[in-house]
C-alpha cells in the first residue's frame, strides 16, 4: 500500500513543481478565516449592538469601538503585509510592514464615512421594501445589505491597490449571499438590492445615488474574449441616479448608460444607452393554454399534452 501512496505523492509533487501559480516556499498567502473575522468585526463596530453579546449601551461606550478597531487594525495589517509580499509589491519585509501599516490606518480612517453610507443604505432598504418591519431587521438579516457592506470595505483596499484581499472579501459575501459585487465598482449612496440572489456587478460599473436592483440583475461586459487585454478598460455599464432595475435584466457594455430616473422592467437585455426618465418594458410573450387529452372510459388518467 505504501508504494502506491508514495508514487501518487511523487507525481503530485512533480505537478506542483511544474506550475507557476503555487506560492514559493518563502511566501505565505493571506488567511481566509482572518479575512472573514475582519469583516464580521467591522460589521459589529459599524452596527453596534446588533452582532454579539454586548448591549447597545456597552457597545457605544467607546471602549468597545476602540478595542474592536485595534483588533481590526492589527489583523488587517498582517493580512495586507502577506498580500503585498506574496504579489511582490514590496522589495522586502520592512517595506511591506511600512505600507501595510499605512493602508490599515487609512482603512480605519475611512470607517466613519463607510458607517454613514451604510446608514443611508439601510434607509434606502427600509423605505423601498414594504415587507421590512424595521431597520433593525434589514441590518441583521438582509443579504443585500451584507453584500453592500463587504463591497464598501473591499473598495477601500481596491483603491489602495492592495492585492488579493478585496477579491477574497467580496467572494466571501458572494458565497454567503449569492450577490457578486466586484470591489472595483463605484457605487453611490442610498443603494439597495432587494432579494439579491444572482445579482452581478462588474468591476468598472458606475452606479449613482438612490439606485435599486432586484434579484438576477447583471451589470456586465459585452465580451471578455480579449481577457487580460481588457484590464483597466471601462467595460461595464453606468447606472445614473434614481434608476430601478427589476429582476432578471442584463445591462452590458462600457458605453451603455441608463439615464437618471429610468425604470428597467424584468428580463430586459440592454446593450445600448437609455435616455433619462425612460421606462423599458419587455412585451409579454404569448401564453398558449391547451386542455389535456381526456382518457377513454376505463383508461388510467394520465396527463398527456
Protein backbone atom coordinates (compact mmCIF):
# COMPACT_ATOMS: atom_id res chain seq x y z
CA UNK A 1 0.00 0.00 0.00
CA UNK A 2 2.79 2.42 0.82
CA UNK A 3 4.22 2.12 -2.69
CA UNK A 4 1.11 3.49 -4.48
CA UNK A 5 0.82 6.28 -1.90
CA UNK A 6 4.45 7.20 -2.46
CA UNK A 7 4.01 7.06 -6.25
CA UNK A 8 0.97 9.34 -6.18
CA UNK A 9 2.73 11.79 -3.85
CA UNK A 10 5.79 11.97 -6.12
CA UNK A 11 3.65 12.61 -9.19
CA UNK A 12 1.66 15.32 -7.44
CA UNK A 13 4.86 16.98 -6.26
CA UNK A 14 6.13 16.93 -9.84
CA UNK A 15 2.89 18.57 -11.00
CA UNK A 16 3.30 21.22 -8.32
CA UNK A 17 6.87 21.99 -9.38
CA UNK A 18 5.81 22.49 -13.00
CA UNK A 19 3.11 25.05 -12.23
CA UNK A 20 3.65 28.78 -11.75
CA UNK A 21 0.62 29.59 -9.62
CA UNK A 22 1.65 27.95 -6.35
CA UNK A 23 3.34 30.16 -3.73
CA UNK A 24 7.07 29.82 -3.35
CA UNK A 25 8.29 28.26 -0.13
CA UNK A 26 9.07 31.70 1.32
CA UNK A 27 5.60 33.10 0.51
CA UNK A 28 2.51 32.85 2.67
CA UNK A 29 -0.99 33.60 1.33
CA UNK A 30 -3.47 35.74 3.27
CA UNK A 31 -5.69 33.69 5.54
CA UNK A 32 -9.34 33.22 4.57
CA UNK A 33 -10.63 32.88 8.14
CA UNK A 34 -8.78 36.00 9.24
CA UNK A 35 -10.40 38.00 6.43
CA UNK A 36 -13.84 36.74 7.46
CA UNK A 37 -13.15 37.75 11.07
CA UNK A 38 -12.14 41.25 9.95
CA UNK A 39 -15.40 41.58 8.02
CA UNK A 40 -17.55 40.50 10.97
CA UNK A 41 -15.64 42.63 13.49
CA UNK A 42 -16.02 45.65 11.22
CA UNK A 43 -19.74 44.98 10.82
CA UNK A 44 -20.12 44.86 14.61
CA UNK A 45 -18.48 48.26 15.06
CA UNK A 46 -20.45 49.85 12.19
CA UNK A 47 -23.73 48.49 13.57
CA UNK A 48 -23.08 48.31 17.35
CA UNK A 49 -25.45 46.24 19.42
CA UNK A 50 -26.64 44.03 16.55
CA UNK A 51 -23.91 41.40 16.38
CA UNK A 52 -22.52 39.91 19.59
CA UNK A 53 -23.44 39.59 23.23
CA UNK A 54 -22.89 43.22 24.14
CA UNK A 55 -25.84 45.52 24.78
CA UNK A 56 -26.12 48.75 22.82
CA UNK A 57 -25.14 50.78 25.88
CA UNK A 58 -21.98 48.72 26.22
CA UNK A 59 -21.02 48.93 22.55
CA UNK A 60 -21.41 52.70 22.23
CA UNK A 61 -19.38 53.45 25.34
CA UNK A 62 -16.21 54.00 23.31
CA UNK A 63 -14.39 51.10 24.94
CA UNK A 64 -15.96 48.54 22.59
CA UNK A 65 -15.25 50.63 19.49
CA UNK A 66 -11.64 51.28 20.43
CA UNK A 67 -10.92 47.70 21.37
CA UNK A 68 -12.55 46.33 18.23
CA UNK A 69 -10.84 48.84 15.97
CA UNK A 70 -7.47 47.89 17.45
CA UNK A 71 -8.19 44.24 16.65
CA UNK A 72 -9.29 45.11 13.10
CA UNK A 73 -6.21 47.26 12.52
CA UNK A 74 -3.76 44.61 13.75
CA UNK A 75 -5.39 41.74 11.88
CA UNK A 76 -5.77 43.71 8.64
CA UNK A 77 -2.19 44.98 8.76
CA UNK A 78 -0.93 41.41 8.95
CA UNK A 79 -3.07 40.24 6.02
CA UNK A 80 -2.12 43.23 3.87
CA UNK A 81 1.55 42.53 4.54
CA UNK A 82 1.13 38.91 3.45
CA UNK A 83 -0.68 40.02 0.27
CA UNK A 84 1.99 42.59 -0.61
CA UNK A 85 4.82 40.10 -0.12
CA UNK A 86 3.02 37.33 -1.98
CA UNK A 87 2.42 39.55 -5.02
CA UNK A 88 5.94 41.04 -4.76
CA UNK A 89 4.54 44.56 -4.37
CA UNK A 90 7.31 45.36 -1.91
CA UNK A 91 11.05 44.78 -2.03
CA UNK A 92 11.40 43.38 1.48
CA UNK A 93 9.54 42.76 4.72
CA UNK A 94 10.41 46.18 6.14
CA UNK A 95 8.84 47.95 3.18
CA UNK A 96 5.82 45.63 3.36
CA UNK A 97 5.46 46.40 7.08
CA UNK A 98 5.52 50.13 6.37
CA UNK A 99 2.90 50.04 3.63
CA UNK A 100 0.65 47.56 5.43
CA UNK A 101 0.58 49.85 8.48
CA UNK A 102 -0.25 52.83 6.26
CA UNK A 103 -3.04 51.03 4.38
CA UNK A 104 -4.56 49.57 7.55
CA UNK A 105 -4.58 53.04 9.13
CA UNK A 106 -6.28 54.50 6.05
CA UNK A 107 -8.86 51.70 6.23
CA UNK A 108 -9.68 52.59 9.85
CA UNK A 109 -9.80 56.30 8.95
CA UNK A 110 -12.43 55.52 6.29
CA UNK A 111 -14.76 53.57 8.58
CA UNK A 112 -16.74 56.58 9.91
CA UNK A 113 -17.53 57.55 6.29
CA UNK A 114 -18.46 53.97 5.42
CA UNK A 115 -20.69 53.84 8.50
CA UNK A 116 -22.57 56.93 7.33
CA UNK A 117 -23.02 55.41 3.87
CA UNK A 118 -24.30 52.16 5.36
CA UNK A 119 -26.85 54.06 7.44
CA UNK A 120 -28.12 55.58 4.18
CA UNK A 121 -28.23 52.14 2.55
CA UNK A 122 -30.33 50.89 5.47
CA UNK A 123 -32.66 53.86 4.99
CA UNK A 124 -32.96 53.03 1.28
CA UNK A 125 -33.77 49.43 2.10
CA UNK A 126 -36.42 50.32 4.63
CA UNK A 127 -38.14 52.96 2.53
CA UNK A 128 -38.02 50.74 -0.55
CA UNK A 129 -39.31 47.47 0.90
CA UNK A 130 -42.85 47.32 2.33
CA UNK A 131 -42.07 43.85 3.70
CA UNK A 132 -39.43 45.26 6.08
CA UNK A 133 -40.78 45.52 9.61
CA UNK A 134 -37.89 47.64 10.91
CA UNK A 135 -34.47 48.97 10.02
CA UNK A 136 -33.00 46.54 12.54
CA UNK A 137 -34.45 43.65 10.55
CA UNK A 138 -32.64 44.91 7.46
CA UNK A 139 -29.34 45.26 9.33
CA UNK A 140 -29.37 41.82 10.88
CA UNK A 141 -30.94 39.72 8.14
CA UNK A 142 -30.95 41.23 4.63
CA UNK A 143 -28.33 39.63 2.35
CA UNK A 144 -28.27 42.66 0.08
CA UNK A 145 -27.10 44.93 2.89
CA UNK A 146 -24.38 42.48 3.92
CA UNK A 147 -23.08 42.26 0.34
CA UNK A 148 -23.06 46.05 0.06
CA UNK A 149 -21.18 46.40 3.36
CA UNK A 150 -18.49 43.94 2.31
CA UNK A 151 -18.19 45.66 -1.08
CA UNK A 152 -17.75 49.08 0.56
CA UNK A 153 -15.00 47.72 2.82
CA UNK A 154 -13.26 45.90 -0.02
CA UNK A 155 -13.47 49.02 -2.20
CA UNK A 156 -11.21 50.87 0.24
CA UNK A 157 -8.49 48.27 -0.25
CA UNK A 158 -9.12 48.15 -4.01
CA UNK A 159 -8.44 51.88 -4.30
CA UNK A 160 -5.21 51.37 -2.34
CA UNK A 161 -4.15 48.72 -4.90
CA UNK A 162 -3.89 46.11 -2.15
CA UNK A 163 -3.78 42.76 -3.98
CA UNK A 164 -5.89 39.64 -3.31
CA UNK A 165 -7.75 40.86 -0.20
CA UNK A 166 -10.54 42.82 -1.97
CA UNK A 167 -11.42 39.76 -4.06
CA UNK A 168 -11.31 37.48 -1.02
CA UNK A 169 -13.70 39.77 0.80
CA UNK A 170 -16.27 40.13 -1.96
CA UNK A 171 -16.14 36.43 -2.81
CA UNK A 172 -16.89 35.64 0.82
CA UNK A 173 -20.01 37.81 0.54
CA UNK A 174 -20.79 36.21 -2.82
CA UNK A 175 -20.71 32.76 -1.24
CA UNK A 176 -22.87 33.86 1.68
CA UNK A 177 -25.49 35.81 -0.29
CA UNK A 178 -25.33 34.85 -3.96
CA UNK A 179 -24.60 38.53 -4.74
CA UNK A 180 -21.39 39.20 -6.70
CA UNK A 181 -20.17 42.81 -6.44
CA UNK A 182 -16.67 43.43 -7.74
CA UNK A 183 -14.68 45.62 -5.36
CA UNK A 184 -13.72 47.96 -8.21
CA UNK A 185 -17.27 49.13 -8.91
CA UNK A 186 -18.15 52.72 -8.00
CA UNK A 187 -21.46 52.79 -6.08
CA UNK A 188 -23.16 55.87 -4.66
CA UNK A 189 -25.39 56.49 -1.65
CA UNK A 190 -28.79 55.02 -0.76
CA UNK A 191 -28.12 51.78 -2.67
CA UNK A 192 -30.48 48.85 -2.18
CA UNK A 193 -30.53 45.28 -3.50
CA UNK A 194 -33.89 43.58 -2.90
CA UNK A 195 -33.82 39.77 -2.51
CA UNK A 196 -30.48 39.81 -4.30
CA UNK A 197 -29.71 36.24 -5.35
CA UNK A 198 -27.93 36.19 -8.70
CA UNK A 199 -27.02 39.88 -8.85
CA UNK A 200 -23.70 40.52 -10.64
CA UNK A 201 -21.99 43.93 -10.69
CA UNK A 202 -18.78 44.12 -12.74
CA UNK A 203 -15.52 45.84 -11.89
CA UNK A 204 -15.92 49.02 -13.96
CA UNK A 205 -19.61 49.53 -13.23
CA UNK A 206 -20.60 53.02 -12.08
CA UNK A 207 -23.80 53.33 -10.03
CA UNK A 208 -25.21 56.66 -8.87
CA UNK A 209 -27.31 57.53 -5.85
CA UNK A 210 -30.75 56.09 -4.97
CA UNK A 211 -30.43 53.06 -7.25
CA UNK A 212 -32.42 49.88 -6.58
CA UNK A 213 -31.74 46.44 -8.03
CA UNK A 214 -33.76 43.26 -7.80
CA UNK A 215 -32.61 39.64 -7.94
CA UNK A 216 -30.91 38.26 -11.03
CA UNK A 217 -29.73 41.62 -12.40
CA UNK A 218 -26.44 41.56 -14.32
CA UNK A 219 -24.38 44.69 -14.90
CA UNK A 220 -21.73 43.10 -17.06
CA UNK A 221 -19.41 43.28 -20.04
CA UNK A 222 -20.38 42.66 -23.66
CA UNK A 223 -17.43 40.33 -24.17
CA UNK A 224 -14.35 39.24 -22.26
CA UNK A 225 -12.70 37.27 -25.07
CA UNK A 226 -9.64 39.54 -25.02
CA UNK A 227 -9.03 38.54 -21.40
CA UNK A 228 -6.23 40.44 -19.66
CA UNK A 229 -6.02 42.91 -22.56
CA UNK A 230 -9.26 44.41 -21.23
CA UNK A 231 -7.86 45.02 -17.75
CA UNK A 232 -8.47 48.63 -16.76
CA UNK A 233 -10.84 49.27 -19.69
CA UNK A 234 -14.36 50.57 -18.97
CA UNK A 235 -16.38 47.50 -19.96
CA UNK A 236 -19.39 47.62 -17.63
CA UNK A 237 -22.38 49.99 -17.72
CA UNK A 238 -23.12 53.25 -15.95
CA UNK A 239 -26.35 53.47 -13.95
CA UNK A 240 -27.33 57.04 -13.15
CA UNK A 241 -29.20 58.38 -10.10
CA UNK A 242 -32.66 57.15 -9.23
CA UNK A 243 -32.73 54.10 -11.52
CA UNK A 244 -34.68 50.93 -10.67
CA UNK A 245 -33.80 47.66 -12.42
CA UNK A 246 -36.17 44.73 -12.00
CA UNK A 247 -35.35 41.03 -11.78
CA UNK A 248 -33.57 39.10 -14.49
CA UNK A 249 -32.41 42.09 -16.52
CA UNK A 250 -28.95 42.22 -18.12
CA UNK A 251 -27.30 45.53 -18.94
CA UNK A 252 -23.99 45.13 -20.74
CA UNK A 253 -21.14 47.22 -22.10
CA UNK A 254 -18.88 50.03 -21.00
CA UNK A 255 -20.56 52.60 -23.24
CA UNK A 256 -24.06 51.71 -22.03
CA UNK A 257 -25.66 54.36 -19.82
CA UNK A 258 -29.03 54.01 -18.12
CA UNK A 259 -30.25 57.61 -17.75
CA UNK A 260 -31.30 59.01 -14.40
CA UNK A 261 -34.79 58.21 -13.16
CA UNK A 262 -35.30 55.34 -15.61
CA UNK A 263 -37.07 52.07 -14.84
CA UNK A 264 -35.93 48.84 -16.47
CA UNK A 265 -38.53 46.11 -16.38
CA UNK A 266 -37.82 42.46 -15.72
CA UNK A 267 -35.86 40.26 -18.15
CA UNK A 268 -34.67 43.14 -20.33
CA UNK A 269 -31.46 42.68 -22.35
CA UNK A 270 -29.84 46.06 -22.94
CA UNK A 271 -26.61 46.85 -24.80
CA UNK A 272 -27.37 50.46 -25.79
CA UNK A 273 -27.87 53.58 -23.72
CA UNK A 274 -31.32 54.50 -22.40
CA UNK A 275 -32.33 58.20 -22.13
CA UNK A 276 -33.20 59.66 -18.72
CA UNK A 277 -36.68 59.05 -17.29
CA UNK A 278 -37.40 56.16 -19.66
CA UNK A 279 -39.45 53.09 -18.81
CA UNK A 280 -38.18 49.92 -20.51
CA UNK A 281 -40.82 47.20 -20.73
CA UNK A 282 -40.46 43.80 -22.35
CA UNK A 283 -43.55 42.79 -24.30
CA UNK A 284 -45.19 39.82 -22.64
CA UNK A 285 -44.72 36.58 -24.61
CA UNK A 286 -47.82 34.89 -25.97
CA UNK A 287 -49.27 32.43 -23.48
CA UNK A 288 -50.87 29.32 -25.02
CA UNK A 289 -53.16 27.13 -22.92
CA UNK A 290 -54.10 23.65 -24.18
CA UNK A 291 -56.57 21.36 -22.47
CA UNK A 292 -55.12 17.92 -21.65
CA UNK A 293 -56.41 14.93 -23.57
CA UNK A 294 -59.20 13.17 -21.75
CA UNK A 295 -58.74 9.41 -21.13
CA UNK A 296 -61.12 6.92 -22.74
CA UNK A 297 -63.54 5.15 -20.48
CA UNK A 298 -61.71 2.65 -18.31
CA UNK A 299 -58.24 4.05 -19.08
CA UNK A 300 -55.92 5.33 -16.35
CA UNK A 301 -55.92 9.11 -16.12
CA UNK A 302 -52.57 10.37 -17.45
CA UNK A 303 -51.90 13.98 -18.27
CA UNK A 304 -50.60 13.95 -21.84
CA UNK A 305 -50.00 17.22 -23.63
